[in-house]
PDB file of all heavy atoms in Angstrom:
ATOM      1  N   THR A   1       0.843  -1.196   0.000  1.00  0.00           N
ATOM      2  CA  THR A   1       0.000   0.000   0.000  1.00  0.00           C
ATOM      3  C   THR A   1       0.875   1.241   0.000  1.00  0.00           C
ATOM      4  O   THR A   1       1.361   1.678   1.036  1.00  0.00           O
ATOM      5  CB  THR A   1      -0.927   0.028   1.226  1.00  0.00           C
ATOM      6  OG1 THR A   1      -1.678  -1.181   1.286  1.00  0.00           O
ATOM      7  CG2 THR A   1      -1.887   1.210   1.149  1.00  0.00           C
ATOM      8  N   SER A   2       1.100   1.806  -1.179  1.00  0.00           N
ATOM      9  CA  SER A   2       1.826   3.071  -1.244  1.00  0.00           C
ATOM     10  C   SER A   2       0.902   4.181  -0.756  1.00  0.00           C
ATOM     11  O   SER A   2      -0.330   4.039  -0.783  1.00  0.00           O
ATOM     12  CB  SER A   2       2.278   3.357  -2.673  1.00  0.00           C
ATOM     13  OG  SER A   2       1.168   3.578  -3.526  1.00  0.00           O
ATOM     14  N   PRO A   3       1.446   5.304  -0.297  1.00  0.00           N
ATOM     15  CA  PRO A   3       0.589   6.380   0.218  1.00  0.00           C
ATOM     16  C   PRO A   3      -0.480   6.836  -0.761  1.00  0.00           C
ATOM     17  O   PRO A   3      -1.596   7.166  -0.364  1.00  0.00           O
ATOM     18  CB  PRO A   3       1.591   7.502   0.527  1.00  0.00           C
ATOM     19  CG  PRO A   3       2.871   6.781   0.810  1.00  0.00           C
ATOM     20  CD  PRO A   3       2.886   5.602  -0.117  1.00  0.00           C
ATOM     21  N   ARG A   4      -0.183   6.822  -2.051  1.00  0.00           N
ATOM     22  CA  ARG A   4      -1.130   7.341  -3.036  1.00  0.00           C
ATOM     23  C   ARG A   4      -2.346   6.443  -3.235  1.00  0.00           C
ATOM     24  O   ARG A   4      -3.364   6.886  -3.771  1.00  0.00           O
ATOM     25  CB  ARG A   4      -0.435   7.575  -4.388  1.00  0.00           C
ATOM     26  CG  ARG A   4       0.097   6.319  -5.035  1.00  0.00           C
ATOM     27  CD  ARG A   4       0.801   6.636  -6.352  1.00  0.00           C
ATOM     28  NE  ARG A   4      -0.152   6.946  -7.404  1.00  0.00           N
ATOM     29  CZ  ARG A   4      -0.642   6.064  -8.264  1.00  0.00           C
ATOM     30  NH1 ARG A   4      -0.276   4.784  -8.177  1.00  0.00           N
ATOM     31  NH2 ARG A   4      -1.475   6.423  -9.197  1.00  0.00           N
ATOM     32  N   VAL A   5      -2.266   5.183  -2.808  1.00  0.00           N
ATOM     33  CA  VAL A   5      -3.403   4.283  -2.984  1.00  0.00           C
ATOM     34  C   VAL A   5      -4.197   4.098  -1.695  1.00  0.00           C
ATOM     35  O   VAL A   5      -5.170   3.340  -1.676  1.00  0.00           O
ATOM     36  CB  VAL A   5      -2.966   2.895  -3.515  1.00  0.00           C
ATOM     37  CG1 VAL A   5      -2.127   3.043  -4.775  1.00  0.00           C
ATOM     38  CG2 VAL A   5      -2.219   2.101  -2.466  1.00  0.00           C
ATOM     39  N   THR A   6      -3.805   4.796  -0.634  1.00  0.00           N
ATOM     40  CA  THR A   6      -4.454   4.604   0.665  1.00  0.00           C
ATOM     41  C   THR A   6      -5.944   4.904   0.598  1.00  0.00           C
ATOM     42  O   THR A   6      -6.769   4.151   1.143  1.00  0.00           O
ATOM     43  CB  THR A   6      -3.791   5.488   1.742  1.00  0.00           C
ATOM     44  OG1 THR A   6      -2.393   5.177   1.807  1.00  0.00           O
ATOM     45  CG2 THR A   6      -4.423   5.253   3.106  1.00  0.00           C
ATOM     46  N   ALA A   7      -6.319   5.987  -0.057  1.00  0.00           N
ATOM     47  CA  ALA A   7      -7.738   6.366  -0.116  1.00  0.00           C
ATOM     48  C   ALA A   7      -8.566   5.283  -0.809  1.00  0.00           C
ATOM     49  O   ALA A   7      -9.655   4.927  -0.338  1.00  0.00           O
ATOM     50  CB  ALA A   7      -7.897   7.706  -0.825  1.00  0.00           C
ATOM     51  N   THR A   8      -8.064   4.752  -1.920  1.00  0.00           N
ATOM     52  CA  THR A   8      -8.807   3.705  -2.624  1.00  0.00           C
ATOM     53  C   THR A   8      -8.851   2.427  -1.803  1.00  0.00           C
ATOM     54  O   THR A   8      -9.897   1.767  -1.713  1.00  0.00           O
ATOM     55  CB  THR A   8      -8.182   3.424  -4.001  1.00  0.00           C
ATOM     56  OG1 THR A   8      -8.221   4.623  -4.787  1.00  0.00           O
ATOM     57  CG2 THR A   8      -8.940   2.333  -4.727  1.00  0.00           C
ATOM     58  N   GLN A   9      -7.724   2.058  -1.193  1.00  0.00           N
ATOM     59  CA  GLN A   9      -7.693   0.839  -0.381  1.00  0.00           C
ATOM     60  C   GLN A   9      -8.676   0.915   0.788  1.00  0.00           C
ATOM     61  O   GLN A   9      -9.464  -0.007   1.024  1.00  0.00           O
ATOM     62  CB  GLN A   9      -6.280   0.598   0.159  1.00  0.00           C
ATOM     63  CG  GLN A   9      -5.449  -0.291  -0.717  1.00  0.00           C
ATOM     64  CD  GLN A   9      -5.880  -1.744  -0.692  1.00  0.00           C
ATOM     65  OE1 GLN A   9      -5.835  -2.409   0.340  1.00  0.00           O
ATOM     66  NE2 GLN A   9      -6.278  -2.270  -1.840  1.00  0.00           N
ATOM     67  N   GLU A  10      -8.646   2.020   1.519  1.00  0.00           N
ATOM     68  CA  GLU A  10      -9.542   2.142   2.677  1.00  0.00           C
ATOM     69  C   GLU A  10     -10.990   2.328   2.220  1.00  0.00           C
ATOM     70  O   GLU A  10     -11.921   1.807   2.841  1.00  0.00           O
ATOM     71  CB  GLU A  10      -9.103   3.300   3.575  1.00  0.00           C
ATOM     72  CG  GLU A  10      -7.716   3.128   4.193  1.00  0.00           C
ATOM     73  CD  GLU A  10      -7.599   1.903   5.094  1.00  0.00           C
ATOM     74  OE1 GLU A  10      -8.610   1.239   5.381  1.00  0.00           O
ATOM     75  OE2 GLU A  10      -6.465   1.601   5.517  1.00  0.00           O
ATOM     76  N   GLY A  11     -11.185   3.071   1.135  1.00  0.00           N
ATOM     77  CA  GLY A  11     -12.531   3.232   0.605  1.00  0.00           C
ATOM     78  C   GLY A  11     -13.103   1.914   0.132  1.00  0.00           C
ATOM     79  O   GLY A  11     -14.280   1.600   0.374  1.00  0.00           O
ATOM     80  N   LEU A  12     -12.283   1.101  -0.526  1.00  0.00           N
ATOM     81  CA  LEU A  12     -12.717  -0.218  -0.985  1.00  0.00           C
ATOM     82  C   LEU A  12     -13.031  -1.123   0.203  1.00  0.00           C
ATOM     83  O   LEU A  12     -13.994  -1.898   0.171  1.00  0.00           O
ATOM     84  CB  LEU A  12     -11.623  -0.842  -1.853  1.00  0.00           C
ATOM     85  CG  LEU A  12     -11.927  -2.196  -2.507  1.00  0.00           C
ATOM     86  CD1 LEU A  12     -13.137  -2.093  -3.428  1.00  0.00           C
ATOM     87  CD2 LEU A  12     -10.695  -2.687  -3.283  1.00  0.00           C
ATOM     88  N   ALA A  13     -12.238  -1.007   1.267  1.00  0.00           N
ATOM     89  CA  ALA A  13     -12.452  -1.843   2.449  1.00  0.00           C
ATOM     90  C   ALA A  13     -13.762  -1.484   3.154  1.00  0.00           C
ATOM     91  O   ALA A  13     -14.507  -2.375   3.588  1.00  0.00           O
ATOM     92  CB  ALA A  13     -11.272  -1.701   3.410  1.00  0.00           C
ATOM     93  N   VAL A  14     -14.056  -0.201   3.263  1.00  0.00           N
ATOM     94  CA  VAL A  14     -15.325   0.207   3.877  1.00  0.00           C
ATOM     95  C   VAL A  14     -16.488  -0.135   2.946  1.00  0.00           C
ATOM     96  O   VAL A  14     -17.565  -0.540   3.402  1.00  0.00           O
ATOM     97  CB  VAL A  14     -15.315   1.711   4.220  1.00  0.00           C
ATOM     98  CG1 VAL A  14     -16.650   2.130   4.827  1.00  0.00           C
ATOM     99  CG2 VAL A  14     -14.190   2.035   5.203  1.00  0.00           C
ATOM    100  N   PHE A  15     -16.276   0.014   1.632  1.00  0.00           N
ATOM    101  CA  PHE A  15     -17.303  -0.383   0.661  1.00  0.00           C
ATOM    102  C   PHE A  15     -17.606  -1.874   0.789  1.00  0.00           C
ATOM    103  O   PHE A  15     -18.761  -2.302   0.658  1.00  0.00           O
ATOM    104  CB  PHE A  15     -16.825  -0.055  -0.757  1.00  0.00           C
ATOM    105  CG  PHE A  15     -17.824  -0.373  -1.831  1.00  0.00           C
ATOM    106  CD1 PHE A  15     -18.923   0.443  -2.056  1.00  0.00           C
ATOM    107  CD2 PHE A  15     -17.660  -1.497  -2.635  1.00  0.00           C
ATOM    108  CE1 PHE A  15     -19.846   0.147  -3.063  1.00  0.00           C
ATOM    109  CE2 PHE A  15     -18.566  -1.801  -3.642  1.00  0.00           C
ATOM    110  CZ  PHE A  15     -19.663  -0.978  -3.853  1.00  0.00           C
ATOM    111  N   ALA A  16     -16.581  -2.677   1.051  1.00  0.00           N
ATOM    112  CA  ALA A  16     -16.771  -4.112   1.246  1.00  0.00           C
ATOM    113  C   ALA A  16     -17.661  -4.371   2.460  1.00  0.00           C
ATOM    114  O   ALA A  16     -18.500  -5.276   2.445  1.00  0.00           O
ATOM    115  CB  ALA A  16     -15.420  -4.797   1.424  1.00  0.00           C
ATOM    116  N   GLU A  17     -17.478  -3.588   3.506  1.00  0.00           N
ATOM    117  CA  GLU A  17     -18.350  -3.703   4.673  1.00  0.00           C
ATOM    118  C   GLU A  17     -19.794  -3.407   4.281  1.00  0.00           C
ATOM    119  O   GLU A  17     -20.733  -4.092   4.699  1.00  0.00           O
ATOM    120  CB  GLU A  17     -17.911  -2.728   5.773  1.00  0.00           C
ATOM    121  CG  GLU A  17     -16.528  -2.989   6.358  1.00  0.00           C
ATOM    122  CD  GLU A  17     -16.178  -1.935   7.395  1.00  0.00           C
ATOM    123  OE1 GLU A  17     -17.072  -1.508   8.153  1.00  0.00           O
ATOM    124  OE2 GLU A  17     -15.001  -1.522   7.457  1.00  0.00           O
ATOM    125  N   LEU A  18     -19.952  -2.371   3.465  1.00  0.00           N
ATOM    126  CA  LEU A  18     -21.283  -1.958   3.033  1.00  0.00           C
ATOM    127  C   LEU A  18     -21.947  -3.048   2.195  1.00  0.00           C
ATOM    128  O   LEU A  18     -23.108  -3.403   2.419  1.00  0.00           O
ATOM    129  CB  LEU A  18     -21.178  -0.662   2.229  1.00  0.00           C
ATOM    130  CG  LEU A  18     -22.460   0.045   1.812  1.00  0.00           C
ATOM    131  CD1 LEU A  18     -23.221   0.542   3.020  1.00  0.00           C
ATOM    132  CD2 LEU A  18     -22.149   1.197   0.864  1.00  0.00           C
ATOM    133  N   MET A  19     -21.235  -3.598   1.225  1.00  0.00           N
ATOM    134  CA  MET A  19     -21.798  -4.591   0.318  1.00  0.00           C
ATOM    135  C   MET A  19     -22.075  -5.929   1.010  1.00  0.00           C
ATOM    136  O   MET A  19     -22.956  -6.675   0.596  1.00  0.00           O
ATOM    137  CB  MET A  19     -20.853  -4.821  -0.863  1.00  0.00           C
ATOM    138  CG  MET A  19     -20.791  -3.674  -1.854  1.00  0.00           C
ATOM    139  SD  MET A  19     -22.376  -3.392  -2.723  1.00  0.00           S
ATOM    140  CE  MET A  19     -22.989  -1.960  -1.836  1.00  0.00           C
ATOM    141  N   SER A  20     -21.321  -6.234   2.042  1.00  0.00           N
ATOM    142  CA  SER A  20     -21.480  -7.517   2.731  1.00  0.00           C
ATOM    143  C   SER A  20     -22.410  -7.427   3.927  1.00  0.00           C
ATOM    144  O   SER A  20     -22.618  -8.416   4.629  1.00  0.00           O
ATOM    145  CB  SER A  20     -20.113  -8.048   3.176  1.00  0.00           C
ATOM    146  OG  SER A  20     -19.498  -7.137   4.064  1.00  0.00           O
ATOM    147  N   GLY A  21     -22.961  -6.227   4.172  1.00  0.00           N
ATOM    148  CA  GLY A  21     -23.848  -6.049   5.312  1.00  0.00           C
ATOM    149  C   GLY A  21     -23.130  -6.019   6.637  1.00  0.00           C
ATOM    150  O   GLY A  21     -23.727  -6.263   7.690  1.00  0.00           O
ATOM    151  N   ALA A  22     -21.830  -5.709   6.612  1.00  0.00           N
ATOM    152  CA  ALA A  22     -21.032  -5.730   7.841  1.00  0.00           C
ATOM    153  C   ALA A  22     -20.875  -4.351   8.471  1.00  0.00           C
ATOM    154  O   ALA A  22     -20.174  -4.208   9.460  1.00  0.00           O
ATOM    155  CB  ALA A  22     -19.650  -6.318   7.553  1.00  0.00           C
ATOM    156  N   ILE A  23     -21.528  -3.343   7.905  1.00  0.00           N
ATOM    157  CA  ILE A  23     -21.385  -1.990   8.433  1.00  0.00           C
ATOM    158  C   ILE A  23     -22.699  -1.563   9.073  1.00  0.00           C
ATOM    159  O   ILE A  23     -23.778  -1.995   8.659  1.00  0.00           O
ATOM    160  CB  ILE A  23     -20.975  -0.996   7.320  1.00  0.00           C
ATOM    161  CG1 ILE A  23     -20.359   0.267   7.928  1.00  0.00           C
ATOM    162  CG2 ILE A  23     -22.154  -0.654   6.415  1.00  0.00           C
ATOM    163  CD1 ILE A  23     -19.677   1.144   6.890  1.00  0.00           C
ATOM    164  N   ASP A  24     -22.609  -0.742  10.104  1.00  0.00           N
ATOM    165  CA  ASP A  24     -23.810  -0.184  10.726  1.00  0.00           C
ATOM    166  C   ASP A  24     -23.642   1.327  10.812  1.00  0.00           C
ATOM    167  O   ASP A  24     -22.572   1.872  10.541  1.00  0.00           O
ATOM    168  CB  ASP A  24     -24.068  -0.819  12.096  1.00  0.00           C
ATOM    169  CG  ASP A  24     -22.932  -0.561  13.081  1.00  0.00           C
ATOM    170  OD1 ASP A  24     -21.875  -0.057  12.657  1.00  0.00           O
ATOM    171  OD2 ASP A  24     -23.109  -0.858  14.269  1.00  0.00           O
ATOM    172  N   ILE A  25     -24.698   2.013  11.186  1.00  0.00           N
ATOM    173  CA  ILE A  25     -24.655   3.476  11.213  1.00  0.00           C
ATOM    174  C   ILE A  25     -23.672   3.978  12.260  1.00  0.00           C
ATOM    175  O   ILE A  25     -23.064   5.035  12.099  1.00  0.00           O
ATOM    176  CB  ILE A  25     -26.081   4.063  11.452  1.00  0.00           C
ATOM    177  CG1 ILE A  25     -26.089   5.577  11.187  1.00  0.00           C
ATOM    178  CG2 ILE A  25     -26.581   3.737  12.845  1.00  0.00           C
ATOM    179  CD1 ILE A  25     -25.854   5.965   9.743  1.00  0.00           C
ATOM    180  N   ALA A  26     -23.474   3.197  13.335  1.00  0.00           N
ATOM    181  CA  ALA A  26     -22.509   3.599  14.364  1.00  0.00           C
ATOM    182  C   ALA A  26     -21.092   3.606  13.791  1.00  0.00           C
ATOM    183  O   ALA A  26     -20.273   4.450  14.148  1.00  0.00           O
ATOM    184  CB  ALA A  26     -22.603   2.662  15.562  1.00  0.00           C
ATOM    185  N   ARG A  27     -20.793   2.657  12.914  1.00  0.00           N
ATOM    186  CA  ARG A  27     -19.483   2.607  12.257  1.00  0.00           C
ATOM    187  C   ARG A  27     -19.296   3.832  11.369  1.00  0.00           C
ATOM    188  O   ARG A  27     -18.237   4.479  11.383  1.00  0.00           O
ATOM    189  CB  ARG A  27     -19.385   1.329  11.431  1.00  0.00           C
ATOM    190  CG  ARG A  27     -18.245   1.278  10.422  1.00  0.00           C
ATOM    191  CD  ARG A  27     -16.929   1.001  11.062  1.00  0.00           C
ATOM    192  NE  ARG A  27     -15.953   0.560  10.066  1.00  0.00           N
ATOM    193  CZ  ARG A  27     -14.658   0.753  10.165  1.00  0.00           C
ATOM    194  NH1 ARG A  27     -14.153   1.367  11.222  1.00  0.00           N
ATOM    195  NH2 ARG A  27     -13.832   0.320   9.233  1.00  0.00           N
ATOM    196  N   LEU A  28     -20.322   4.209  10.598  1.00  0.00           N
ATOM    197  CA  LEU A  28     -20.232   5.417   9.786  1.00  0.00           C
ATOM    198  C   LEU A  28     -20.062   6.651  10.653  1.00  0.00           C
ATOM    199  O   LEU A  28     -19.351   7.591  10.292  1.00  0.00           O
ATOM    200  CB  LEU A  28     -21.480   5.556   8.907  1.00  0.00           C
ATOM    201  CG  LEU A  28     -21.548   4.648   7.682  1.00  0.00           C
ATOM    202  CD1 LEU A  28     -22.911   4.779   7.002  1.00  0.00           C
ATOM    203  CD2 LEU A  28     -20.437   4.982   6.698  1.00  0.00           C
ATOM    204  N   LYS A  29     -20.689   6.642  11.831  1.00  0.00           N
ATOM    205  CA  LYS A  29     -20.537   7.773  12.737  1.00  0.00           C
ATOM    206  C   LYS A  29     -19.104   7.864  13.228  1.00  0.00           C
ATOM    207  O   LYS A  29     -18.522   8.961  13.278  1.00  0.00           O
ATOM    208  CB  LYS A  29     -21.495   7.650  13.916  1.00  0.00           C
ATOM    209  CG  LYS A  29     -21.380   8.820  14.908  1.00  0.00           C
ATOM    210  CD  LYS A  29     -22.364   8.695  16.064  1.00  0.00           C
ATOM    211  CE  LYS A  29     -22.224   9.873  17.026  1.00  0.00           C
ATOM    212  NZ  LYS A  29     -23.173   9.786  18.157  1.00  0.00           N
ATOM    213  N   ARG A  30     -18.492   6.736  13.601  1.00  0.00           N
ATOM    214  CA  ARG A  30     -17.112   6.759  14.091  1.00  0.00           C
ATOM    215  C   ARG A  30     -16.167   7.293  13.026  1.00  0.00           C
ATOM    216  O   ARG A  30     -15.281   8.101  13.315  1.00  0.00           O
ATOM    217  CB  ARG A  30     -16.678   5.353  14.520  1.00  0.00           C
ATOM    218  CG  ARG A  30     -17.295   4.869  15.808  1.00  0.00           C
ATOM    219  CD  ARG A  30     -16.569   3.647  16.349  1.00  0.00           C
ATOM    220  NE  ARG A  30     -16.625   2.511  15.450  1.00  0.00           N
ATOM    221  CZ  ARG A  30     -17.614   1.633  15.430  1.00  0.00           C
ATOM    222  NH1 ARG A  30     -18.654   1.777  16.249  1.00  0.00           N
ATOM    223  NH2 ARG A  30     -17.592   0.610  14.597  1.00  0.00           N
ATOM    224  N   ILE A  31     -16.341   6.827  11.787  1.00  0.00           N
ATOM    225  CA  ILE A  31     -15.507   7.311  10.693  1.00  0.00           C
ATOM    226  C   ILE A  31     -15.686   8.813  10.499  1.00  0.00           C
ATOM    227  O   ILE A  31     -14.717   9.557  10.288  1.00  0.00           O
ATOM    228  CB  ILE A  31     -15.855   6.551   9.394  1.00  0.00           C
ATOM    229  CG1 ILE A  31     -15.442   5.087   9.505  1.00  0.00           C
ATOM    230  CG2 ILE A  31     -15.191   7.203   8.182  1.00  0.00           C
ATOM    231  CD1 ILE A  31     -15.961   4.222   8.369  1.00  0.00           C
ATOM    232  N   SER A  32     -16.930   9.261  10.588  1.00  0.00           N
ATOM    233  CA  SER A  32     -17.240  10.673  10.358  1.00  0.00           C
ATOM    234  C   SER A  32     -16.725  11.552  11.496  1.00  0.00           C
ATOM    235  O   SER A  32     -16.246  12.669  11.262  1.00  0.00           O
ATOM    236  CB  SER A  32     -18.750  10.848  10.196  1.00  0.00           C
ATOM    237  OG  SER A  32     -19.225  10.110   9.080  1.00  0.00           O
ATOM    238  N   LEU A  33     -16.821  11.067  12.722  1.00  0.00           N
ATOM    239  CA  LEU A  33     -16.328  11.836  13.867  1.00  0.00           C
ATOM    240  C   LEU A  33     -14.830  12.115  13.748  1.00  0.00           C
ATOM    241  O   LEU A  33     -14.350  13.184  14.141  1.00  0.00           O
ATOM    242  CB  LEU A  33     -16.616  11.093  15.172  1.00  0.00           C
ATOM    243  CG  LEU A  33     -18.055  11.113  15.678  1.00  0.00           C
ATOM    244  CD1 LEU A  33     -18.191  10.235  16.916  1.00  0.00           C
ATOM    245  CD2 LEU A  33     -18.518  12.535  15.984  1.00  0.00           C
ATOM    246  N   ARG A  34     -14.102  11.161  13.195  1.00  0.00           N
ATOM    247  CA  ARG A  34     -12.660  11.372  13.038  1.00  0.00           C
ATOM    248  C   ARG A  34     -12.375  12.522  12.078  1.00  0.00           C
ATOM    249  O   ARG A  34     -11.420  13.276  12.257  1.00  0.00           O
ATOM    250  CB  ARG A  34     -12.004  10.084  12.517  1.00  0.00           C
ATOM    251  CG  ARG A  34     -12.041   8.921  13.496  1.00  0.00           C
ATOM    252  CD  ARG A  34     -11.542   7.651  12.829  1.00  0.00           C
ATOM    253  NE  ARG A  34     -11.767   6.467  13.645  1.00  0.00           N
ATOM    254  CZ  ARG A  34     -11.604   5.234  13.211  1.00  0.00           C
ATOM    255  NH1 ARG A  34     -11.229   5.019  11.951  1.00  0.00           N
ATOM    256  NH2 ARG A  34     -11.820   4.208  14.016  1.00  0.00           N
ATOM    257  N   ILE A  35     -13.210  12.660  11.045  1.00  0.00           N
ATOM    258  CA  ILE A  35     -13.026  13.756  10.092  1.00  0.00           C
ATOM    259  C   ILE A  35     -13.339  15.090  10.759  1.00  0.00           C
ATOM    260  O   ILE A  35     -12.610  16.081  10.586  1.00  0.00           O
ATOM    261  CB  ILE A  35     -13.912  13.533   8.857  1.00  0.00           C
ATOM    262  CG1 ILE A  35     -13.435  12.294   8.098  1.00  0.00           C
ATOM    263  CG2 ILE A  35     -13.916  14.759   7.943  1.00  0.00           C
ATOM    264  CD1 ILE A  35     -14.365  11.816   7.021  1.00  0.00           C
ATOM    265  N   LEU A  36     -14.411  15.116  11.542  1.00  0.00           N
ATOM    266  CA  LEU A  36     -14.741  16.347  12.263  1.00  0.00           C
ATOM    267  C   LEU A  36     -13.647  16.686  13.270  1.00  0.00           C
ATOM    268  O   LEU A  36     -13.314  17.866  13.468  1.00  0.00           O
ATOM    269  CB  LEU A  36     -16.087  16.186  12.977  1.00  0.00           C
ATOM    270  CG  LEU A  36     -17.292  15.879  12.078  1.00  0.00           C
ATOM    271  CD1 LEU A  36     -18.569  15.790  12.904  1.00  0.00           C
ATOM    272  CD2 LEU A  36     -17.445  16.945  10.996  1.00  0.00           C
ATOM    273  N   ALA A  37     -13.065  15.675  13.902  1.00  0.00           N
ATOM    274  CA  ALA A  37     -11.985  15.910  14.857  1.00  0.00           C
ATOM    275  C   ALA A  37     -10.727  16.407  14.156  1.00  0.00           C
ATOM    276  O   ALA A  37     -10.011  17.276  14.686  1.00  0.00           O
ATOM    277  CB  ALA A  37     -11.690  14.630  15.627  1.00  0.00           C
ATOM    278  N   LEU A  38     -10.448  15.880  12.967  1.00  0.00           N
ATOM    279  CA  LEU A  38      -9.329  16.389  12.172  1.00  0.00           C
ATOM    280  C   LEU A  38      -9.493  17.874  11.895  1.00  0.00           C
ATOM    281  O   LEU A  38      -8.545  18.663  12.017  1.00  0.00           O
ATOM    282  CB  LEU A  38      -9.245  15.633  10.844  1.00  0.00           C
ATOM    283  CG  LEU A  38      -8.446  14.348  10.768  1.00  0.00           C
ATOM    284  CD1 LEU A  38      -8.631  13.694   9.404  1.00  0.00           C
ATOM    285  CD2 LEU A  38      -6.967  14.621  11.018  1.00  0.00           C
ATOM    286  N   ASP A  39     -10.703  18.245  11.518  1.00  0.00           N
ATOM    287  CA  ASP A  39     -10.985  19.654  11.232  1.00  0.00           C
ATOM    288  C   ASP A  39     -10.792  20.508  12.478  1.00  0.00           C
ATOM    289  O   ASP A  39     -10.236  21.608  12.400  1.00  0.00           O
ATOM    290  CB  ASP A  39     -12.416  19.787  10.703  1.00  0.00           C
ATOM    291  CG  ASP A  39     -12.706  21.175  10.166  1.00  0.00           C
ATOM    292  OD1 ASP A  39     -12.020  21.593   9.210  1.00  0.00           O
ATOM    293  OD2 ASP A  39     -13.621  21.837  10.693  1.00  0.00           O
ATOM    294  N   MET A  40     -11.222  20.001  13.625  1.00  0.00           N
ATOM    295  CA  MET A  40     -11.024  20.715  14.888  1.00  0.00           C
ATOM    296  C   MET A  40      -9.541  20.934  15.162  1.00  0.00           C
ATOM    297  O   MET A  40      -9.113  22.040  15.519  1.00  0.00           O
ATOM    298  CB  MET A  40     -11.639  19.925  16.052  1.00  0.00           C
ATOM    299  CG  MET A  40     -13.150  19.910  16.097  1.00  0.00           C
ATOM    300  SD  MET A  40     -13.737  18.834  17.446  1.00  0.00           S
ATOM    301  CE  MET A  40     -13.000  19.636  18.883  1.00  0.00           C
ATOM    302  N   ALA A  41      -8.754  19.873  15.022  1.00  0.00           N
ATOM    303  CA  ALA A  41      -7.320  19.967  15.304  1.00  0.00           C
ATOM    304  C   ALA A  41      -6.628  20.943  14.360  1.00  0.00           C
ATOM    305  O   ALA A  41      -5.808  21.762  14.793  1.00  0.00           O
ATOM    306  CB  ALA A  41      -6.680  18.585  15.202  1.00  0.00           C
ATOM    307  N   LEU A  42      -6.957  20.866  13.077  1.00  0.00           N
ATOM    308  CA  LEU A  42      -6.353  21.777  12.108  1.00  0.00           C
ATOM    309  C   LEU A  42      -6.720  23.227  12.394  1.00  0.00           C
ATOM    310  O   LEU A  42      -5.964  24.145  12.043  1.00  0.00           O
ATOM    311  CB  LEU A  42      -6.788  21.401  10.686  1.00  0.00           C
ATOM    312  CG  LEU A  42      -6.214  20.093  10.139  1.00  0.00           C
ATOM    313  CD1 LEU A  42      -6.890  19.709   8.821  1.00  0.00           C
ATOM    314  CD2 LEU A  42      -4.700  20.200   9.942  1.00  0.00           C
TER     315      LEU A  42
END
């Protein structure tokens, strides 16, 4: 995993959760909270 492919790799992995029914809204919330926290820190 080179740095430039990280977004696709992680996006594909979360998409796999979505397609396999392995994701829930709480998981999407955790992912989203990290983005809001990044914005806070910046």
